[in-house]
Amino acid sequence: MKTIRASEIGTYLYCQRAWWYQKQGYEKQNQADLYTGQELHARHGRSVFVAGVMKLLAYALLLMGLIMTAAYITFLLL
């Protein structure tokens, strides 16, 4: 009995005909489009990562500014 992979189940649930073509060994005709889509997803993933890092940096700078303001006010009162 042949092992069924999770990706095969996903393909079958999305499109039974695509699954059948895959099982028959047919190559996909839209390789250029698939590559373009993968590149687009990778670029978007990098953008999301950079946005997360920038958000973390903004919070760190805000916290540092609050600490410096509190220290400045404390030294003024002394």
C-alpha atoms as a PDB file:
ATOM      1  CA  MET A   1       0.000   0.000   0.000  1.00  0.00           C
ATOM      2  CA  LYS A   2       1.363   3.424  -0.984  1.00  0.00           C
ATOM      3  CA  THR A   3       1.800   6.092   1.694  1.00  0.00           C
ATOM      4  CA  ILE A   4      -0.330   9.195   1.238  1.00  0.00           C
ATOM      5  CA  ARG A   5       1.327  12.483   2.168  1.00  0.00           C
ATOM      6  CA  ALA A   6      -0.402  15.454   3.750  1.00  0.00           C
ATOM      7  CA  SER A   7       0.418  17.575   0.693  1.00  0.00           C
ATOM      8  CA  GLU A   8      -1.390  15.031  -1.499  1.00  0.00           C
ATOM      9  CA  ILE A   9      -4.470  15.304   0.706  1.00  0.00           C
ATOM     10  CA  GLY A  10      -4.287  19.093   0.440  1.00  0.00           C
ATOM     11  CA  THR A  11      -4.013  18.860  -3.341  1.00  0.00           C
ATOM     12  CA  TYR A  12      -6.922  16.426  -3.490  1.00  0.00           C
ATOM     13  CA  LEU A  13      -9.136  18.602  -1.302  1.00  0.00           C
ATOM     14  CA  TYR A  14      -8.318  21.664  -3.401  1.00  0.00           C
ATOM     15  CA  CYS A  15      -8.748  19.970  -6.786  1.00  0.00           C
ATOM     16  CA  GLN A  16      -9.234  16.255  -7.409  1.00  0.00           C
ATOM     17  CA  ARG A  17      -8.206  16.622 -11.060  1.00  0.00           C
ATOM     18  CA  ALA A  18      -4.907  18.284 -10.085  1.00  0.00           C
ATOM     19  CA  TRP A  19      -4.257  15.415  -7.696  1.00  0.00           C
ATOM     20  CA  TRP A  20      -4.968  12.871 -10.437  1.00  0.00           C
ATOM     21  CA  TYR A  21      -2.633  14.680 -12.874  1.00  0.00           C
ATOM     22  CA  GLN A  22       0.058  14.695 -10.215  1.00  0.00           C
ATOM     23  CA  LYS A  23      -0.380  10.943  -9.639  1.00  0.00           C
ATOM     24  CA  GLN A  24      -0.103  10.327 -13.399  1.00  0.00           C
ATOM     25  CA  GLY A  25       3.196  12.217 -13.529  1.00  0.00           C
ATOM     26  CA  TYR A  26       2.062  15.217 -15.575  1.00  0.00           C
ATOM     27  CA  GLU A  27       4.219  18.309 -15.247  1.00  0.00           C
ATOM     28  CA  LYS A  28       2.576  21.624 -14.436  1.00  0.00           C
ATOM     29  CA  GLN A  29       2.339  23.936 -17.433  1.00  0.00           C
ATOM     30  CA  ASN A  30       2.612  27.184 -15.476  1.00  0.00           C
ATOM     31  CA  GLN A  31       6.087  26.818 -13.952  1.00  0.00           C
ATOM     32  CA  ALA A  32       6.944  30.482 -14.610  1.00  0.00           C
ATOM     33  CA  ASP A  33       3.780  31.645 -12.839  1.00  0.00           C
ATOM     34  CA  LEU A  34       4.477  29.342  -9.894  1.00  0.00           C
ATOM     35  CA  TYR A  35       8.028  30.675  -9.600  1.00  0.00           C
ATOM     36  CA  THR A  36       6.758  34.270  -9.750  1.00  0.00           C
ATOM     37  CA  GLY A  37       4.232  33.497  -7.010  1.00  0.00           C
ATOM     38  CA  GLN A  38       6.906  31.938  -4.812  1.00  0.00           C
ATOM     39  CA  GLU A  39       9.106  34.993  -5.255  1.00  0.00           C
ATOM     40  CA  LEU A  40       6.198  37.281  -4.394  1.00  0.00           C
ATOM     41  CA  HIS A  41       5.462  35.294  -1.236  1.00  0.00           C
ATOM     42  CA  ALA A  42       9.122  35.324  -0.221  1.00  0.00           C
ATOM     43  CA  ARG A  43       9.334  39.090  -0.731  1.00  0.00           C
ATOM     44  CA  HIS A  44       6.167  39.592   1.304  1.00  0.00           C
ATOM     45  CA  GLY A  45       7.536  37.374   4.078  1.00  0.00           C
ATOM     46  CA  ARG A  46      10.700  39.463   4.248  1.00  0.00           C
ATOM     47  CA  SER A  47       8.617  42.642   4.406  1.00  0.00           C
ATOM     48  CA  VAL A  48       6.545  41.251   7.281  1.00  0.00           C
ATOM     49  CA  PHE A  49       9.720  40.237   9.125  1.00  0.00           C
ATOM     50  CA  VAL A  50      11.298  43.691   8.670  1.00  0.00           C
ATOM     51  CA  ALA A  51       8.067  45.346   9.858  1.00  0.00           C
ATOM     52  CA  GLY A  52       8.131  43.209  13.013  1.00  0.00           C
ATOM     53  CA  VAL A  53      11.758  44.109  13.710  1.00  0.00           C
ATOM     54  CA  MET A  54      11.022  47.799  13.154  1.00  0.00           C
ATOM     55  CA  LYS A  55       8.060  47.604  15.542  1.00  0.00           C
ATOM     56  CA  LEU A  56      10.256  45.976  18.185  1.00  0.00           C
ATOM     57  CA  LEU A  57      12.893  48.668  17.680  1.00  0.00           C
ATOM     58  CA  ALA A  58      10.247  51.400  18.011  1.00  0.00           C
ATOM     59  CA  TYR A  59       9.048  49.947  21.329  1.00  0.00           C
ATOM     60  CA  ALA A  60      12.623  49.718  22.590  1.00  0.00           C
ATOM     61  CA  LEU A  61      13.312  53.340  21.654  1.00  0.00           C
ATOM     62  CA  LEU A  62      10.050  54.454  23.276  1.00  0.00           C
ATOM     63  CA  LEU A  63      10.940  52.619  26.466  1.00  0.00           C
ATOM     64  CA  MET A  64      14.432  54.114  26.444  1.00  0.00           C
ATOM     65  CA  GLY A  65      12.955  57.594  25.945  1.00  0.00           C
ATOM     66  CA  LEU A  66      10.557  57.115  28.862  1.00  0.00           C
ATOM     67  CA  ILE A  67      13.381  55.926  31.110  1.00  0.00           C
ATOM     68  CA  MET A  68      15.568  58.878  30.130  1.00  0.00           C
ATOM     69  CA  THR A  69      12.691  61.313  30.732  1.00  0.00           C
ATOM     70  CA  ALA A  70      12.021  59.806  34.163  1.00  0.00           C
ATOM     71  CA  ALA A  71      15.731  60.026  35.025  1.00  0.00           C
ATOM     72  CA  TYR A  72      15.922  63.649  33.860  1.00  0.00           C
ATOM     73  CA  ILE A  73      12.876  64.632  35.922  1.00  0.00           C
ATOM     74  CA  THR A  74      14.275  62.781  38.963  1.00  0.00           C
ATOM     75  CA  PHE A  75      17.607  64.623  38.745  1.00  0.00           C
ATOM     76  CA  LEU A  76      15.782  67.968  38.388  1.00  0.00           C
ATOM     77  CA  LEU A  77      13.916  67.381  41.623  1.00  0.00           C
ATOM     78  CA  LEU A  78      17.114  66.623  43.575  1.00  0.00           C
END
